Amino acid sequence: MAIADTLHFAPPHPAARPFLIVGAVLFLLGLLVGHWLAWLAFLFILLCLYFFRDPERVAPPQPDVLLAPADGHVLEVAPAAPPAELGLGAQPRWRIAIFLSILDVHVNRIPAHGTITRIAYRHGGFHNAADPEAGDRNERNALAIRLPDGREIAVVQIAGMIARRIVCNVREGDAVTTGERFGIIRFGSRTDLYLPEAVEPLVTEGQTMIGGETVVARLGSAAVP
């Protein structure tokens, strides 16, 4: 499905609307003042439709799994403390860092059923999202999700060098479902997933993720110290 996503235009995410409106206005203006502007505007519209494509995804039926929150490739799998602003404690837990290139689908998805207990936005820089330290240095938006069994996970949207806008469409207290769309990061970024304590990842660095479909962990698996 990931390959198919790159070969056709899926319906765009609502975040594309301002850009598409600007492109349409420039296209109409170009028809009046110069066809070169119309062609540039047409190209801009095509690029926006490609970047903001929002394909449908089908979550696997297993109830005890965590899914990738984003498309991209796994940049790092290592223990790390969740963002302090979420109040989940300083105990390191497995973190899966997913890097989204400009070519990847940038819609973020919920890894598992649960309730949003906290959303914390933090200002920061716009360094290369592929840098392992980008999670601490860059602008980010962090979500804590309490699972039905009481355990908690964290999903962090991290801006990159080109990204200048993190969109989050859920609020604290919302009940969310596995694979549900919850936001988008514009123009290249990173999404980190912090697993519950005593759960280990099933993915490795360099592996390609399909947001809302790829299983990254099983909630019943025990972590290796």
Protein backbone atom coordinates (compact mmCIF):
# COMPACT_ATOMS: atom_id res chain seq x y z
CA MET A 1 0.00 0.00 0.00
CA ALA A 2 2.88 2.38 0.75
CA ILE A 3 4.17 2.01 -2.82
CA ALA A 4 0.70 2.66 -4.21
CA ASP A 5 0.46 5.81 -2.09
CA THR A 6 3.43 7.27 -3.93
CA LEU A 7 1.98 6.48 -7.36
CA HIS A 8 -1.38 8.22 -7.12
CA PHE A 9 -2.99 11.17 -5.40
CA ALA A 10 -5.19 10.16 -2.48
CA PRO A 11 -7.69 12.76 -1.23
CA PRO A 12 -5.83 15.59 0.51
CA HIS A 13 -5.80 16.20 4.26
CA PRO A 14 -7.87 19.26 5.32
CA ALA A 15 -4.60 21.05 6.19
CA ALA A 16 -4.02 21.39 2.43
CA ARG A 17 -6.98 23.71 1.90
CA PRO A 18 -5.21 27.08 2.43
CA PHE A 19 -2.43 26.06 0.05
CA LEU A 20 -4.84 24.79 -2.58
CA ILE A 21 -6.86 28.00 -2.38
CA VAL A 22 -3.71 30.09 -2.88
CA GLY A 23 -2.70 27.87 -5.81
CA ALA A 24 -6.13 28.21 -7.41
CA VAL A 25 -6.08 32.00 -7.07
CA LEU A 26 -2.62 32.20 -8.61
CA PHE A 27 -3.72 29.87 -11.41
CA LEU A 28 -6.69 32.07 -12.29
CA LEU A 29 -4.51 35.17 -12.05
CA GLY A 30 -2.01 33.51 -14.34
CA LEU A 31 -4.65 32.95 -16.98
CA LEU A 32 -5.13 36.72 -17.04
CA VAL A 33 -1.59 38.07 -16.76
CA GLY A 34 0.67 35.31 -18.09
CA HIS A 35 0.56 31.61 -18.76
CA TRP A 36 3.95 31.12 -17.04
CA LEU A 37 2.29 31.99 -13.71
CA ALA A 38 -0.59 29.64 -14.45
CA TRP A 39 1.83 26.77 -15.09
CA LEU A 40 3.75 27.50 -11.87
CA ALA A 41 0.51 27.61 -9.93
CA PHE A 42 -0.62 24.35 -11.51
CA LEU A 43 2.67 22.71 -10.50
CA PHE A 44 2.28 24.10 -6.97
CA ILE A 45 -1.22 22.59 -6.73
CA LEU A 46 0.06 19.19 -7.85
CA LEU A 47 2.86 19.29 -5.27
CA CYS A 48 0.39 20.20 -2.52
CA LEU A 49 -1.95 17.38 -3.52
CA TYR A 50 0.98 14.97 -3.40
CA PHE A 51 2.40 16.13 -0.09
CA PHE A 52 -0.97 16.35 1.72
CA ARG A 53 -2.29 13.04 0.34
CA ASP A 54 -4.27 11.19 2.99
CA PRO A 55 -4.75 7.54 1.97
CA GLU A 56 -7.07 5.20 3.80
CA ARG A 57 -5.35 2.65 6.02
CA VAL A 58 -6.67 -0.62 7.44
CA ALA A 59 -5.52 -1.42 10.97
CA PRO A 60 -4.81 -5.11 11.71
CA PRO A 61 -7.55 -6.81 13.75
CA GLN A 62 -5.36 -7.79 16.72
CA PRO A 63 -6.48 -5.93 19.87
CA ASP A 64 -3.17 -6.17 21.74
CA VAL A 65 -0.80 -4.36 19.36
CA LEU A 66 0.66 -0.90 18.94
CA LEU A 67 0.80 0.49 15.40
CA ALA A 68 3.21 2.92 13.76
CA PRO A 69 1.99 6.51 14.29
CA ALA A 70 3.50 7.66 10.99
CA ASP A 71 4.92 6.64 7.62
CA GLY A 72 8.67 6.76 7.15
CA HIS A 73 11.68 4.74 8.21
CA VAL A 74 12.79 3.86 11.72
CA LEU A 75 15.60 6.20 12.63
CA GLU A 76 16.33 4.81 16.10
CA VAL A 77 15.08 2.17 18.54
CA ALA A 78 16.50 2.84 21.99
CA PRO A 79 15.49 3.42 25.62
CA ALA A 80 14.71 7.05 26.47
CA ALA A 81 12.71 9.00 29.03
CA PRO A 82 9.41 10.42 27.76
CA PRO A 83 9.16 14.22 27.38
CA ALA A 84 9.16 15.74 30.86
CA GLU A 85 6.14 17.92 30.05
CA LEU A 86 3.90 14.84 29.85
CA GLY A 87 4.51 13.88 33.46
CA LEU A 88 5.11 10.21 32.71
CA GLY A 89 8.22 9.99 34.88
CA ALA A 90 11.92 9.85 34.10
CA GLN A 91 12.19 6.07 33.82
CA PRO A 92 13.56 5.19 30.36
CA ARG A 93 11.29 3.12 28.14
CA TRP A 94 11.62 1.97 24.54
CA ARG A 95 11.35 4.80 22.02
CA ILE A 96 10.79 4.25 18.30
CA ALA A 97 11.82 7.32 16.29
CA ILE A 98 10.33 7.49 12.77
CA PHE A 99 11.77 9.92 10.22
CA LEU A 100 9.39 11.27 7.57
CA SER A 101 11.02 12.49 4.38
CA ILE A 102 9.37 15.03 2.09
CA LEU A 103 8.08 12.08 0.02
CA ASP A 104 6.29 10.26 2.85
CA VAL A 105 2.65 10.60 3.85
CA HIS A 106 2.69 13.06 6.75
CA VAL A 107 -0.63 12.26 8.42
CA ASN A 108 -0.16 11.04 12.02
CA ARG A 109 -2.26 8.19 13.43
CA ILE A 110 -3.16 6.88 16.87
CA PRO A 111 -1.14 3.73 17.78
CA ALA A 112 -3.83 2.09 19.99
CA HIS A 113 -7.24 2.59 21.59
CA GLY A 114 -7.17 4.84 24.62
CA THR A 115 -7.82 8.27 26.07
CA ILE A 116 -5.74 11.41 25.55
CA THR A 117 -4.64 12.40 29.06
CA ARG A 118 -2.27 15.23 28.23
CA ILE A 119 -1.13 17.31 25.24
CA ALA A 120 1.94 19.49 25.67
CA TYR A 121 3.40 21.79 23.02
CA ARG A 122 6.99 23.03 23.36
CA HIS A 123 8.78 25.65 21.30
CA GLY A 124 12.18 24.78 19.90
CA GLY A 125 14.48 24.91 16.92
CA PHE A 126 14.12 23.51 13.41
CA HIS A 127 17.17 21.30 13.06
CA ASN A 128 17.47 18.21 10.88
CA ALA A 129 14.81 15.77 12.14
CA ALA A 130 17.15 12.87 11.33
CA ASP A 131 19.49 14.06 14.09
CA PRO A 132 19.01 11.77 17.14
CA GLU A 133 18.97 14.88 19.36
CA ALA A 134 16.20 16.57 17.36
CA GLY A 135 13.59 15.20 19.75
CA ASP A 136 15.06 17.31 22.54
CA ARG A 137 16.08 20.38 20.53
CA ASN A 138 13.29 20.88 18.01
CA GLU A 139 9.78 22.23 18.28
CA ARG A 140 7.45 19.42 19.31
CA ASN A 141 3.94 18.46 20.33
CA ALA A 142 3.64 15.55 22.75
CA LEU A 143 0.58 13.41 23.54
CA ALA A 144 0.09 11.01 26.45
CA ILE A 145 -2.45 8.24 25.79
CA ARG A 146 -3.82 6.00 28.55
CA LEU A 147 -4.64 2.51 27.29
CA PRO A 148 -7.72 0.61 28.51
CA ASP A 149 -5.55 -1.43 30.92
CA GLY A 150 -4.19 1.73 32.55
CA ARG A 151 -0.76 1.73 30.94
CA GLU A 152 0.37 4.85 29.10
CA ILE A 153 2.15 5.55 25.83
CA ALA A 154 3.45 8.80 24.36
CA VAL A 155 3.46 10.06 20.78
CA VAL A 156 5.58 13.09 19.91
CA GLN A 157 5.27 15.15 16.72
CA ILE A 158 8.65 16.78 16.01
CA ALA A 159 9.33 19.54 13.49
CA GLY A 160 12.29 19.36 11.11
CA MET A 161 14.40 21.79 9.09
CA ILE A 162 11.63 22.45 6.58
CA ALA A 163 8.63 21.78 8.83
CA ARG A 164 7.18 24.93 10.32
CA ARG A 165 3.73 23.80 11.37
CA ILE A 166 2.58 20.96 13.63
CA VAL A 167 -1.16 20.28 13.44
CA CYS A 168 -2.89 18.29 16.21
CA ASN A 169 -6.65 17.67 15.91
CA VAL A 170 -7.34 15.94 19.23
CA ARG A 171 -7.85 17.36 22.71
CA GLU A 172 -7.22 16.20 26.25
CA GLY A 173 -9.97 13.85 27.36
CA ASP A 174 -10.75 12.58 23.85
CA ALA A 175 -11.32 8.85 23.42
CA VAL A 176 -9.29 7.70 20.40
CA THR A 177 -9.21 4.52 18.34
CA THR A 178 -6.41 2.55 16.75
CA GLY A 179 -5.37 4.02 13.40
CA GLU A 180 -7.42 7.20 13.84
CA ARG A 181 -5.93 10.33 12.27
CA PHE A 182 -4.89 12.88 14.86
CA GLY A 183 -2.69 15.40 13.05
CA ILE A 184 -0.10 16.22 10.43
CA ILE A 185 3.35 17.84 10.30
CA ARG A 186 4.01 19.99 7.27
CA PHE A 187 7.05 19.41 5.03
CA GLY A 188 9.42 16.85 6.52
CA SER A 189 9.51 15.80 10.16
CA ARG A 190 9.76 13.04 12.75
CA THR A 191 7.32 11.16 14.98
CA ASP A 192 8.43 9.33 18.14
CA LEU A 193 6.50 6.60 19.94
CA TYR A 194 7.27 5.73 23.57
CA LEU A 195 6.10 2.24 24.48
CA PRO A 196 4.61 1.28 27.85
CA GLU A 197 7.04 0.03 30.46
CA ALA A 198 7.78 -3.72 30.15
CA VAL A 199 6.94 -3.75 26.43
CA GLU A 200 9.66 -4.13 23.82
CA PRO A 201 9.62 -3.15 20.13
CA LEU A 202 9.21 -5.56 17.24
CA VAL A 203 10.85 -3.25 14.67
CA THR A 204 14.45 -2.42 13.90
CA GLU A 205 16.35 0.63 12.71
CA GLY A 206 16.00 1.23 8.99
CA GLN A 207 12.66 -0.58 8.71
CA THR A 208 9.93 1.12 6.66
CA MET A 209 6.75 2.05 8.53
CA ILE A 210 3.18 2.39 7.25
CA GLY A 211 1.26 4.63 9.62
CA GLY A 212 -1.84 2.96 11.05
CA GLU A 213 -0.88 -0.49 9.70
CA THR A 214 2.63 -1.58 10.72
CA VAL A 215 2.70 -3.43 14.07
CA VAL A 216 5.57 -2.03 16.15
CA ALA A 217 4.95 -3.84 19.48
CA ARG A 218 2.68 -6.30 21.24
CA LEU A 219 1.34 -5.11 24.56
CA GLY A 220 1.79 -8.50 26.18
CA SER A 221 5.51 -8.82 25.35
CA ALA A 222 8.06 -8.32 28.11
CA ALA A 223 10.89 -5.84 27.78
CA VAL A 224 14.50 -6.95 27.82
CA PRO A 225 16.54 -4.94 30.37
